[in-house]
Amino acid sequence: MGKQKLSPKAAKDKKERDLRYANTRDREIKRAESQRKHREAKKNGKNTDGKDFDHYTMSFVSRHRNRGGMNPNGGGTKNEKRR
C-alpha cells in the first residue's frame, strides 16, 4: 500500500492529528509498556525483531498481524470482523 496522496494542507493537518493521537496518555502508557517488554525479552534471550507487542493478547506478534487490531470485541479491520 502506497503513501496517501494528500494536498499539502491536508498532509499538514494529518501530521498534526497523528502527533496529537500518538502523544495521548493512553498511547504513552502502551509505548512505555511495549519498550519494557522488548527490553525484558531481549534480556531473556528472545528475538523480537519484526514483532510488535500486542496489548490485547499480551504477547509478541508479527507487525503485519498487529495492524488493524486483534481485539474481537471492537476495532480491527472489516476482514477481521467477518471471521
Protein backbone atom coordinates (compact mmCIF):
# COMPACT_ATOMS: atom_id res chain seq x y z
CA MET A 1 0.00 0.00 0.00
CA GLY A 2 1.48 3.32 -1.04
CA LYS A 3 1.57 6.67 0.64
CA GLN A 4 -1.65 8.69 0.72
CA LYS A 5 -1.90 11.36 -1.93
CA LEU A 6 -2.87 14.43 0.07
CA SER A 7 -2.72 18.11 -0.64
CA PRO A 8 -0.04 19.97 1.31
CA LYS A 9 -2.65 21.40 3.70
CA ALA A 10 -4.31 18.02 4.24
CA ALA A 11 -0.91 16.37 4.84
CA LYS A 12 -0.01 19.05 7.41
CA ASP A 13 -3.37 18.65 9.18
CA LYS A 14 -3.00 14.85 9.21
CA LYS A 15 0.52 15.09 10.63
CA GLU A 16 -0.75 17.29 13.46
CA ARG A 17 -3.70 14.95 14.19
CA ASP A 18 -1.47 11.87 14.16
CA LEU A 19 1.02 13.50 16.53
CA ARG A 20 -1.74 14.56 18.93
CA TYR A 21 -3.07 10.98 18.96
CA ALA A 22 0.39 9.43 19.38
CA ASN A 23 1.03 11.61 22.43
CA THR A 24 -2.20 10.88 24.31
CA ARG A 25 -1.74 9.40 27.78
CA ASP A 26 -3.07 6.00 26.66
CA ARG A 27 -0.56 5.78 23.78
CA GLU A 28 2.30 6.88 26.07
CA ILE A 29 1.45 4.10 28.53
CA LYS A 30 1.26 1.47 25.77
CA ARG A 31 4.51 2.68 24.17
CA ALA A 32 6.32 2.53 27.53
CA GLU A 33 4.95 -0.95 28.26
CA SER A 34 6.00 -2.17 24.83
CA GLN A 35 9.53 -0.85 25.34
CA ARG A 36 9.75 -2.56 28.75
CA LYS A 37 8.55 -5.87 27.29
CA HIS A 38 11.06 -5.66 24.41
CA ARG A 39 13.95 -4.96 26.82
CA GLU A 40 12.86 -7.82 29.11
CA ALA A 41 12.54 -10.26 26.19
CA LYS A 42 15.97 -9.27 24.86
CA LYS A 43 17.49 -9.78 28.33
CA ASN A 44 15.94 -13.26 28.41
CA GLY A 45 17.49 -14.12 25.04
CA LYS A 46 14.34 -13.87 22.92
CA ASN A 47 14.45 -12.37 19.45
CA THR A 48 11.64 -9.87 18.91
CA ASP A 49 12.91 -8.44 15.61
CA GLY A 50 9.99 -7.69 13.30
CA LYS A 51 7.45 -8.16 16.10
CA ASP A 52 5.22 -5.78 18.00
CA PHE A 53 3.85 -6.23 21.49
CA ASP A 54 0.09 -6.74 21.24
CA HIS A 55 -1.65 -5.22 24.25
CA TYR A 56 -4.76 -7.34 23.74
CA THR A 57 -3.11 -10.77 23.70
CA MET A 58 -0.18 -9.56 25.86
CA SER A 59 2.29 -11.29 23.55
CA PHE A 60 4.62 -10.53 20.66
CA VAL A 61 3.04 -10.91 17.24
CA SER A 62 4.26 -10.05 13.76
CA ARG A 63 3.91 -6.40 12.85
CA HIS A 64 1.68 -7.39 9.96
CA ARG A 65 -0.74 -9.27 12.24
CA ASN A 66 -0.80 -6.48 14.83
CA ARG A 67 -2.01 -3.80 12.40
CA GLY A 68 -5.73 -3.09 12.45
CA GLY A 69 -6.36 -4.52 15.91
CA MET A 70 -6.65 -8.06 17.18
CA ASN A 71 -9.42 -7.46 19.70
CA PRO A 72 -12.52 -9.41 18.58
CA ASN A 73 -14.75 -7.14 20.71
CA GLY A 74 -14.02 -3.98 18.78
CA GLY A 75 -11.61 -2.31 16.42
CA GLY A 76 -9.93 -4.34 13.75
CA THR A 77 -10.42 -4.43 10.04
CA LYS A 78 -13.51 -5.39 8.07
CA ASN A 79 -11.93 -8.77 7.27
CA GLU A 80 -11.30 -9.47 10.96
CA LYS A 81 -14.93 -8.66 11.79
CA ARG A 82 -16.20 -11.17 9.19
CA ARG A 83 -14.48 -14.13 10.84
